[in-house]
């Protein structure tokens, strides 16, 4: 079976499509904050995360590799990045429509507490839960009923992003390294090899089959940047049993 990490890679890469325009690969730093209260909700910079009390020790901080147009960030942010040069910094304001949309009343639902009891979940206010692949935040619990908000946490908020293009990745070798890192480094058992302008990726058979659509999309995307990708199936090696030592019986 394909692992959860593999599925995450698939979800992230499904928007990668071959297009006629020249693709760019950038290494960027960004910080996003809400305009109303000035609170930072995301950043690639470790010091900023610590200063704003949003540091996550499980996360690796540092410049993010992005291919503008492939939906790693909000559309308006990526459109700005398309025209930015290496070393350039810019602040971008995002209105509600260009951000995460307006809050929707019908996405705030009342669920019976027994639904949570069956799953052995204690629905305390503030808890983020997953119901039918939709993330929701528990708002209140009262009289055997649980109020859950399935709106995006930033829905209805005006935002601001500060952007910096740390580096534009141009050489085929660097692009190959970053393509593998971005889409396949979390796939268990994946191996890369770079020769001239070709990236060879070896995957276990289950991952190779489970990621067929992703592999095609990533291959097309790499082609737009002048890089060829070839996929290989990992050769299974049978474990040889150690020879059994049979002791002779002494009469």
Protein backbone atom coordinates (compact mmCIF):
# COMPACT_ATOMS: atom_id res chain seq x y z
CA UNK A 1 0.00 0.00 0.00
CA UNK A 2 1.09 3.58 -0.64
CA UNK A 3 1.90 5.36 2.65
CA UNK A 4 0.19 8.52 3.96
CA UNK A 5 3.35 10.49 3.14
CA UNK A 6 3.13 9.22 -0.44
CA UNK A 7 -0.53 10.28 -0.65
CA UNK A 8 0.47 13.71 0.61
CA UNK A 9 3.03 14.01 -2.17
CA UNK A 10 0.34 13.02 -4.68
CA UNK A 11 -2.09 15.63 -3.39
CA UNK A 12 0.57 18.32 -3.52
CA UNK A 13 1.71 17.51 -7.05
CA UNK A 14 -1.59 16.92 -8.87
CA UNK A 15 -1.76 20.57 -10.02
CA UNK A 16 1.56 20.31 -11.87
CA UNK A 17 0.74 20.50 -15.60
CA UNK A 18 2.64 21.17 -18.77
CA UNK A 19 2.15 24.75 -19.94
CA UNK A 20 3.54 26.82 -22.76
CA UNK A 21 5.01 29.63 -20.65
CA UNK A 22 8.52 29.45 -19.25
CA UNK A 23 8.53 28.01 -15.75
CA UNK A 24 10.73 29.41 -12.99
CA UNK A 25 11.92 27.71 -9.83
CA UNK A 26 12.49 30.03 -6.89
CA UNK A 27 13.80 29.72 -3.35
CA UNK A 28 11.74 32.15 -1.27
CA UNK A 29 11.12 33.34 2.26
CA UNK A 30 7.67 34.57 3.25
CA UNK A 31 5.70 35.69 6.26
CA UNK A 32 1.91 35.84 6.25
CA UNK A 33 -0.16 37.80 8.74
CA UNK A 34 -3.74 38.91 9.34
CA UNK A 35 -4.23 42.62 8.74
CA UNK A 36 -6.93 43.09 11.38
CA UNK A 37 -4.86 42.11 14.40
CA UNK A 38 -1.38 41.89 12.88
CA UNK A 39 -0.94 38.26 13.98
CA UNK A 40 1.50 36.15 11.96
CA UNK A 41 -0.07 32.83 10.93
CA UNK A 42 2.76 31.36 8.85
CA UNK A 43 6.43 31.98 8.08
CA UNK A 44 9.49 30.24 6.67
CA UNK A 45 11.78 32.18 9.02
CA UNK A 46 12.61 30.47 12.32
CA UNK A 47 13.37 33.67 14.26
CA UNK A 48 10.06 35.20 13.20
CA UNK A 49 8.19 32.06 14.25
CA UNK A 50 9.79 32.20 17.69
CA UNK A 51 9.17 35.92 18.09
CA UNK A 52 5.49 35.49 17.14
CA UNK A 53 5.07 32.41 19.36
CA UNK A 54 4.10 30.10 16.48
CA UNK A 55 7.32 28.07 16.41
CA UNK A 56 6.77 24.38 15.64
CA UNK A 57 9.70 22.17 16.62
CA UNK A 58 8.50 19.45 14.22
CA UNK A 59 8.80 21.79 11.25
CA UNK A 60 11.98 22.50 9.29
CA UNK A 61 12.33 26.25 8.75
CA UNK A 62 14.18 27.81 5.83
CA UNK A 63 13.62 29.12 2.31
CA UNK A 64 10.85 27.32 0.43
CA UNK A 65 11.23 25.99 -3.10
CA UNK A 66 8.34 27.13 -5.27
CA UNK A 67 7.38 27.00 -8.94
CA UNK A 68 5.02 29.99 -9.39
CA UNK A 69 1.74 28.89 -10.92
CA UNK A 70 1.70 25.45 -9.28
CA UNK A 71 -0.48 26.48 -6.32
CA UNK A 72 1.90 26.12 -3.39
CA UNK A 73 0.66 29.51 -2.15
CA UNK A 74 -2.32 31.77 -2.86
CA UNK A 75 -2.78 32.67 -6.55
CA UNK A 76 -2.20 36.40 -6.00
CA UNK A 77 1.03 35.70 -4.10
CA UNK A 78 2.32 33.43 -6.86
CA UNK A 79 1.43 35.98 -9.56
CA UNK A 80 3.63 38.52 -7.77
CA UNK A 81 6.45 35.99 -7.52
CA UNK A 82 6.32 35.38 -11.27
CA UNK A 83 7.71 38.86 -11.91
CA UNK A 84 10.08 39.19 -8.95
CA UNK A 85 13.85 39.02 -9.37
CA UNK A 86 16.48 37.34 -7.24
CA UNK A 87 17.07 39.36 -4.06
CA UNK A 88 13.85 41.38 -4.49
CA UNK A 89 11.49 41.91 -1.55
CA UNK A 90 7.84 42.86 -1.73
CA UNK A 91 4.76 43.21 0.48
CA UNK A 92 1.47 41.96 -0.99
CA UNK A 93 -1.99 42.73 0.39
CA UNK A 94 -4.64 40.03 -0.05
CA UNK A 95 -8.34 40.85 0.12
CA UNK A 96 -10.87 38.32 1.40
CA UNK A 97 -11.87 37.13 -2.07
CA UNK A 98 -8.24 36.59 -3.14
CA UNK A 99 -7.48 34.90 0.17
CA UNK A 100 -9.56 32.13 1.72
CA UNK A 101 -12.97 33.52 0.84
CA UNK A 102 -15.88 34.74 2.93
CA UNK A 103 -17.05 32.80 5.96
CA UNK A 104 -20.03 30.58 5.15
CA UNK A 105 -22.77 30.11 7.72
CA UNK A 106 -23.67 26.64 6.41
CA UNK A 107 -20.15 25.43 7.25
CA UNK A 108 -20.87 25.87 10.96
CA UNK A 109 -22.65 22.67 11.96
CA UNK A 110 -24.22 21.12 15.04
CA UNK A 111 -23.28 17.48 15.57
CA UNK A 112 -24.54 15.06 18.23
CA UNK A 113 -21.98 14.34 20.95
CA UNK A 114 -22.49 10.59 20.44
CA UNK A 115 -20.71 10.88 17.08
CA UNK A 116 -17.56 11.83 18.96
CA UNK A 117 -18.14 9.28 21.72
CA UNK A 118 -18.19 6.46 19.15
CA UNK A 119 -14.77 7.59 17.90
CA UNK A 120 -13.49 8.05 21.47
CA UNK A 121 -12.94 11.78 20.93
CA UNK A 122 -13.42 14.34 23.68
CA UNK A 123 -14.77 17.40 21.77
CA UNK A 124 -13.40 20.25 23.85
CA UNK A 125 -13.61 23.84 22.46
CA UNK A 126 -10.63 24.64 20.25
CA UNK A 127 -10.04 21.02 19.20
CA UNK A 128 -9.44 20.55 15.45
CA UNK A 129 -11.14 17.42 14.13
CA UNK A 130 -11.40 15.60 10.80
CA UNK A 131 -14.91 14.65 9.70
CA UNK A 132 -15.30 13.17 6.22
CA UNK A 133 -11.90 14.55 5.16
CA UNK A 134 -13.00 18.05 6.22
CA UNK A 135 -11.17 19.83 9.03
CA UNK A 136 -13.29 21.62 11.58
CA UNK A 137 -12.75 23.44 14.87
CA UNK A 138 -14.94 22.71 17.89
CA UNK A 139 -16.53 25.98 19.05
CA UNK A 140 -18.75 24.83 21.89
CA UNK A 141 -20.25 21.79 23.62
CA UNK A 142 -23.67 21.97 25.25
CA UNK A 143 -26.61 19.66 25.94
CA UNK A 144 -25.23 16.70 24.03
CA UNK A 145 -24.55 18.83 20.98
CA UNK A 146 -21.23 19.98 19.54
CA UNK A 147 -20.88 23.11 17.44
CA UNK A 148 -18.12 22.72 14.81
CA UNK A 149 -16.83 25.37 12.40
CA UNK A 150 -15.65 23.91 9.08
CA UNK A 151 -14.67 27.28 7.60
CA UNK A 152 -10.98 27.81 6.87
CA UNK A 153 -9.40 29.49 9.93
CA UNK A 154 -8.49 32.49 7.74
CA UNK A 155 -11.83 32.75 5.94
CA UNK A 156 -13.19 36.29 6.01
CA UNK A 157 -9.78 37.78 6.85
CA UNK A 158 -7.69 40.29 4.92
CA UNK A 159 -4.06 39.17 4.76
CA UNK A 160 -0.60 40.49 4.03
CA UNK A 161 2.45 38.59 2.79
CA UNK A 162 6.03 39.79 2.87
CA UNK A 163 8.04 38.01 0.18
CA UNK A 164 11.72 37.71 -0.64
CA UNK A 165 13.21 35.82 -3.58
CA UNK A 166 16.31 34.36 -1.95
CA UNK A 167 17.51 32.66 -5.13
CA UNK A 168 16.35 31.70 -8.61
CA UNK A 169 17.29 28.09 -9.32
CA UNK A 170 18.55 27.88 -12.88
CA UNK A 171 21.05 25.07 -13.46
CA UNK A 172 19.68 21.67 -14.51
CA UNK A 173 21.48 19.94 -11.64
CA UNK A 174 19.96 22.28 -9.04
CA UNK A 175 16.51 21.95 -10.62
CA UNK A 176 16.83 18.16 -10.55
CA UNK A 177 17.87 18.20 -6.89
CA UNK A 178 14.96 20.44 -5.92
CA UNK A 179 12.38 18.55 -8.02
CA UNK A 180 13.26 15.34 -6.22
CA UNK A 181 13.32 17.05 -2.84
CA UNK A 182 9.97 18.76 -3.42
CA UNK A 183 7.94 15.83 -4.77
CA UNK A 184 9.69 12.59 -3.81
CA UNK A 185 11.95 13.05 -0.78
CA UNK A 186 9.14 11.92 1.55
CA UNK A 187 8.26 8.85 -0.50
CA UNK A 188 9.66 5.85 1.40
CA UNK A 189 12.36 4.02 -0.54
CA UNK A 190 12.80 6.71 -3.21
CA UNK A 191 16.29 7.09 -4.71
CA UNK A 192 17.62 9.76 -7.07
CA UNK A 193 20.46 9.80 -9.59
CA UNK A 194 21.37 12.78 -11.77
CA UNK A 195 23.25 12.31 -15.03
CA UNK A 196 23.76 15.27 -17.38
CA UNK A 197 20.25 16.74 -17.86
CA UNK A 198 18.29 13.67 -16.73
CA UNK A 199 16.89 12.94 -13.27
CA UNK A 200 16.51 9.21 -12.65
CA UNK A 201 14.07 8.37 -9.84
CA UNK A 202 13.81 4.85 -8.46
CA UNK A 203 10.61 4.00 -6.58
CA UNK A 204 9.23 0.87 -4.92
CA UNK A 205 6.66 -0.88 -7.14
CA UNK A 206 3.65 0.17 -5.03
CA UNK A 207 4.69 3.84 -5.10
CA UNK A 208 5.45 3.69 -8.83
CA UNK A 209 1.93 2.42 -9.55
CA UNK A 210 0.19 4.60 -6.98
CA UNK A 211 1.83 7.79 -8.25
CA UNK A 212 1.34 7.31 -12.00
CA UNK A 213 -0.64 10.53 -12.46
CA UNK A 214 1.74 12.48 -10.25
CA UNK A 215 4.77 11.13 -12.10
CA UNK A 216 3.28 12.19 -15.44
CA UNK A 217 2.46 15.68 -14.12
CA UNK A 218 5.89 16.18 -12.55
CA UNK A 219 7.59 14.90 -15.72
CA UNK A 220 5.69 17.47 -17.81
CA UNK A 221 6.52 20.20 -15.32
CA UNK A 222 10.22 19.33 -15.38
CA UNK A 223 10.15 19.31 -19.19
CA UNK A 224 8.97 22.93 -19.12
CA UNK A 225 12.23 23.72 -17.31
CA UNK A 226 14.41 21.74 -19.69
CA UNK A 227 14.82 18.72 -17.45
CA UNK A 228 14.03 15.10 -18.33
CA UNK A 229 12.86 12.62 -15.70
CA UNK A 230 13.03 8.83 -16.00
CA UNK A 231 11.38 6.52 -13.48
CA UNK A 232 12.65 3.10 -12.50
CA UNK A 233 11.18 0.34 -10.38
CA UNK A 234 13.24 -0.72 -7.40
CA UNK A 235 14.57 -4.25 -7.72
CA UNK A 236 13.39 -6.44 -4.90
CA UNK A 237 16.11 -8.44 -3.27
CA UNK A 238 15.19 -11.71 -1.62
CA UNK A 239 16.57 -12.28 1.80
CA UNK A 240 18.68 -15.40 1.95
CA UNK A 241 18.13 -17.52 5.00
CA UNK A 242 21.17 -18.26 7.05
CA UNK A 243 22.24 -21.91 6.79
CA UNK A 244 20.90 -24.00 9.62
CA UNK A 245 23.44 -25.71 11.78
CA UNK A 246 22.41 -29.25 12.59
CA UNK A 247 24.19 -30.77 15.51
CA UNK A 248 25.04 -34.43 15.19
CA UNK A 249 23.82 -36.60 17.98
CA UNK A 250 26.58 -38.37 19.85
CA UNK A 251 25.82 -41.95 20.60
